[in-house]
């Protein structure tokens, strides 16, 4: 396909599509398109990098059902949404995932597909994520609520830490065979990988809302 025949959507940046088309982040996850930290590329460029036909992604986005709720336009409401939908949820998800991983690694340690090291990886992720949350909750978010400016320094720090999270998510996918349990896996193993997949999706959506919506309001 030549550039002149591309749909207009293909020429937009991934992050602008993710912000403007609710539900598109699920499509990006399906095609493994980075929309949180690497969202500055056009959809055409991002698709080419992944070796995916851009038409297939555009078609999937255009097929999204209307009516998906957009994040709040008010900054204080958006911060509240991030705290309730993501910060609070992560604080439940990770301890449960660590508990399940510890059990699977103990019970199935002799299985060739045992995710050895997964509980440790999740614990490391949670420790770093909690420190990141504290910086936002105690520092950055209150400054935003007060309308303080400029905030380029704290925002750059948070954005850099998001990039570290993306690398940790790559490790999570490797340890879990891309969240795919082996044939005959027990219910605990399946529940663990389902929760890890949920963590991956939630963290990517969380970082996308901060990087591409909230932080850009103070850029």
Protein backbone atom coordinates (compact mmCIF):
# COMPACT_ATOMS: atom_id res chain seq x y z
CA UNK A 1 0.00 0.00 0.00
CA UNK A 2 1.33 3.46 -0.81
CA UNK A 3 1.20 6.30 1.62
CA UNK A 4 -1.39 8.16 -0.47
CA UNK A 5 -3.95 5.37 -0.05
CA UNK A 6 -3.70 5.17 3.73
CA UNK A 7 -6.77 5.91 5.81
CA UNK A 8 -6.53 9.24 7.68
CA UNK A 9 -6.40 7.31 10.96
CA UNK A 10 -3.10 5.72 9.92
CA UNK A 11 -1.41 9.14 9.77
CA UNK A 12 -2.37 10.06 13.34
CA UNK A 13 -0.07 9.30 16.24
CA UNK A 14 -0.91 6.23 18.27
CA UNK A 15 -1.31 8.29 21.43
CA UNK A 16 -3.79 10.69 19.79
CA UNK A 17 -5.87 7.75 18.60
CA UNK A 18 -5.71 6.19 22.07
CA UNK A 19 -6.94 9.45 23.63
CA UNK A 20 -9.55 10.28 21.01
CA UNK A 21 -10.98 6.82 20.29
CA UNK A 22 -12.11 5.10 23.51
CA UNK A 23 -11.58 1.36 23.27
CA UNK A 24 -8.71 1.65 20.81
CA UNK A 25 -6.18 0.69 23.48
CA UNK A 26 -7.63 -2.84 23.52
CA UNK A 27 -7.00 -3.02 19.77
CA UNK A 28 -3.44 -1.80 20.26
CA UNK A 29 -2.84 -4.46 22.90
CA UNK A 30 -4.15 -7.14 20.54
CA UNK A 31 -1.68 -6.06 17.84
CA UNK A 32 1.09 -5.37 20.40
CA UNK A 33 1.29 -1.69 19.50
CA UNK A 34 2.91 0.46 22.20
CA UNK A 35 0.47 3.24 23.06
CA UNK A 36 1.73 4.33 26.49
CA UNK A 37 5.43 5.22 26.21
CA UNK A 38 5.96 4.80 22.48
CA UNK A 39 2.75 6.49 21.41
CA UNK A 40 4.40 9.37 19.58
CA UNK A 41 4.79 7.34 16.38
CA UNK A 42 2.13 7.43 13.70
CA UNK A 43 -0.06 4.36 13.43
CA UNK A 44 1.49 3.63 10.04
CA UNK A 45 5.00 3.66 11.53
CA UNK A 46 4.02 1.64 14.60
CA UNK A 47 2.32 -1.00 12.45
CA UNK A 48 5.35 -1.29 10.17
CA UNK A 49 7.62 -1.72 13.21
CA UNK A 50 5.47 -4.62 14.40
CA UNK A 51 5.16 -6.11 10.91
CA UNK A 52 1.38 -5.75 10.99
CA UNK A 53 -0.86 -4.50 8.17
CA UNK A 54 -2.00 -1.03 9.17
CA UNK A 55 -5.33 -1.66 7.38
CA UNK A 56 -6.12 -4.45 9.84
CA UNK A 57 -5.58 -2.15 12.81
CA UNK A 58 -7.61 0.66 11.27
CA UNK A 59 -10.44 -1.75 10.50
CA UNK A 60 -10.48 -3.02 14.09
CA UNK A 61 -10.56 0.53 15.49
CA UNK A 62 -13.30 1.62 13.11
CA UNK A 63 -15.35 -1.41 14.17
CA UNK A 64 -15.34 -0.40 17.83
CA UNK A 65 -18.80 -0.01 19.29
CA UNK A 66 -19.69 3.61 20.07
CA UNK A 67 -20.48 4.79 23.55
CA UNK A 68 -17.30 3.81 25.38
CA UNK A 69 -16.75 6.32 28.18
CA UNK A 70 -13.92 8.79 27.75
CA UNK A 71 -11.73 9.68 30.73
CA UNK A 72 -12.81 12.79 32.67
CA UNK A 73 -12.07 16.15 31.05
CA UNK A 74 -11.66 17.87 34.43
CA UNK A 75 -8.11 17.45 35.74
CA UNK A 76 -9.08 16.80 39.36
CA UNK A 77 -11.63 14.23 38.23
CA UNK A 78 -9.02 12.55 36.03
CA UNK A 79 -6.60 12.33 38.96
CA UNK A 80 -9.36 10.83 41.11
CA UNK A 81 -10.07 8.31 38.34
CA UNK A 82 -6.41 7.32 38.14
CA UNK A 83 -6.23 6.84 41.90
CA UNK A 84 -9.41 4.80 42.17
CA UNK A 85 -9.26 2.80 38.94
CA UNK A 86 -5.53 2.11 38.85
CA UNK A 87 -3.57 2.92 42.02
CA UNK A 88 -6.09 1.20 44.30
CA UNK A 89 -6.55 -1.72 41.89
CA UNK A 90 -2.80 -2.35 41.50
CA UNK A 91 -2.56 -2.56 45.29
CA UNK A 92 -4.94 -5.50 45.18
CA UNK A 93 -3.66 -7.13 42.01
CA UNK A 94 0.00 -7.48 42.87
CA UNK A 95 -0.24 -9.12 46.31
CA UNK A 96 -2.73 -11.61 44.88
CA UNK A 97 -0.53 -12.34 41.85
CA UNK A 98 2.50 -12.80 44.11
CA UNK A 99 0.52 -15.22 46.29
CA UNK A 100 -0.58 -17.26 43.27
CA UNK A 101 2.89 -17.24 41.72
CA UNK A 102 4.50 -18.43 44.94
CA UNK A 103 2.06 -21.33 45.07
CA UNK A 104 2.52 -22.31 41.43
CA UNK A 105 6.31 -22.17 41.68
CA UNK A 106 6.24 -24.37 44.77
CA UNK A 107 3.73 -26.96 43.57
CA UNK A 108 4.91 -27.18 39.96
CA UNK A 109 8.64 -26.58 40.39
CA UNK A 110 9.44 -29.75 38.44
CA UNK A 111 7.22 -28.85 35.48
CA UNK A 112 9.26 -27.71 32.45
CA UNK A 113 6.98 -24.69 31.98
CA UNK A 114 7.08 -23.62 35.63
CA UNK A 115 7.45 -19.81 35.74
CA UNK A 116 10.48 -19.87 38.02
CA UNK A 117 11.25 -16.38 39.30
CA UNK A 118 7.79 -14.98 38.57
CA UNK A 119 6.89 -14.25 42.19
CA UNK A 120 10.20 -12.42 42.66
CA UNK A 121 9.67 -10.44 39.46
CA UNK A 122 6.16 -9.43 40.54
CA UNK A 123 7.41 -8.44 44.00
CA UNK A 124 10.11 -6.25 42.45
CA UNK A 125 7.57 -4.64 40.13
CA UNK A 126 5.21 -3.96 43.03
CA UNK A 127 7.93 -2.40 45.19
CA UNK A 128 8.96 -0.03 42.42
CA UNK A 129 5.38 0.73 41.43
CA UNK A 130 4.43 1.57 45.01
CA UNK A 131 7.37 3.98 45.27
CA UNK A 132 6.24 5.54 42.00
CA UNK A 133 2.67 5.86 43.28
CA UNK A 134 3.87 7.57 46.44
CA UNK A 135 5.75 10.19 44.39
CA UNK A 136 2.58 10.93 42.46
CA UNK A 137 0.21 10.87 45.42
CA UNK A 138 2.39 12.89 47.78
CA UNK A 139 4.03 15.22 45.30
CA UNK A 140 2.99 15.49 41.66
CA UNK A 141 -0.77 15.10 41.94
CA UNK A 142 -1.18 17.67 44.75
CA UNK A 143 0.88 20.14 42.71
CA UNK A 144 -1.38 19.51 39.73
CA UNK A 145 -4.50 20.02 41.82
CA UNK A 146 -3.10 23.40 42.92
CA UNK A 147 -2.40 24.35 39.32
CA UNK A 148 1.30 24.67 40.08
CA UNK A 149 3.61 25.23 37.12
CA UNK A 150 6.04 24.38 35.61
CA UNK A 151 6.07 20.65 36.28
CA UNK A 152 8.39 19.51 33.51
CA UNK A 153 10.93 18.05 35.95
CA UNK A 154 8.60 15.81 37.98
CA UNK A 155 6.71 14.78 34.84
CA UNK A 156 9.95 13.81 33.09
CA UNK A 157 10.87 11.67 36.11
CA UNK A 158 7.50 9.91 36.10
CA UNK A 159 7.66 9.36 32.34
CA UNK A 160 11.11 7.80 32.64
CA UNK A 161 9.85 5.47 35.35
CA UNK A 162 6.97 4.46 33.07
CA UNK A 163 9.54 3.34 30.51
CA UNK A 164 11.06 1.11 33.18
CA UNK A 165 7.61 -0.39 33.81
CA UNK A 166 7.25 -1.23 30.12
CA UNK A 167 10.53 -3.18 30.29
CA UNK A 168 9.25 -4.99 33.39
CA UNK A 169 6.07 -5.89 31.52
CA UNK A 170 8.17 -7.40 28.74
CA UNK A 171 9.81 -9.57 31.40
CA UNK A 172 6.41 -10.51 32.79
CA UNK A 173 5.28 -11.65 29.35
CA UNK A 174 8.44 -13.72 28.88
CA UNK A 175 8.06 -15.46 32.24
CA UNK A 176 4.44 -16.38 31.51
CA UNK A 177 4.84 -17.41 27.87
CA UNK A 178 2.85 -14.33 26.87
CA UNK A 179 0.26 -15.15 29.58
CA UNK A 180 -0.43 -18.58 28.09
CA UNK A 181 -0.58 -21.46 30.60
CA UNK A 182 0.61 -24.91 29.45
CA UNK A 183 -1.82 -27.65 28.49
CA UNK A 184 -3.29 -29.27 31.56
CA UNK A 185 -2.40 -26.36 33.85
CA UNK A 186 -4.29 -26.32 37.14
CA UNK A 187 -6.86 -23.66 37.95
CA UNK A 188 -4.38 -21.74 40.13
CA UNK A 189 -1.88 -21.56 37.27
CA UNK A 190 -4.57 -20.38 34.87
CA UNK A 191 -5.84 -17.79 37.36
CA UNK A 192 -2.28 -16.52 37.84
CA UNK A 193 -1.68 -15.97 34.14
CA UNK A 194 -5.10 -14.37 33.68
CA UNK A 195 -4.28 -11.94 36.49
CA UNK A 196 -0.86 -11.21 35.01
CA UNK A 197 -2.52 -10.40 31.68
CA UNK A 198 -4.93 -8.10 33.53
CA UNK A 199 -2.02 -6.38 35.27
CA UNK A 200 -0.31 -5.86 31.90
CA UNK A 201 -3.43 -4.32 30.35
CA UNK A 202 -4.20 -2.12 33.35
CA UNK A 203 -0.66 -0.80 33.68
CA UNK A 204 -0.48 0.06 29.99
CA UNK A 205 -3.83 1.88 30.13
CA UNK A 206 -2.78 3.61 33.36
CA UNK A 207 0.49 4.89 31.87
CA UNK A 208 -1.26 5.90 28.66
CA UNK A 209 -3.73 8.11 30.55
CA UNK A 210 -0.92 9.77 32.47
CA UNK A 211 1.59 10.17 29.63
CA UNK A 212 -0.80 11.10 26.84
CA UNK A 213 -3.58 12.92 28.69
CA UNK A 214 -2.80 14.16 32.21
CA UNK A 215 0.85 15.02 31.71
CA UNK A 216 0.22 16.77 28.41
CA UNK A 217 -2.09 19.20 30.21
CA UNK A 218 0.96 20.48 32.07
CA UNK A 219 3.46 20.25 29.19
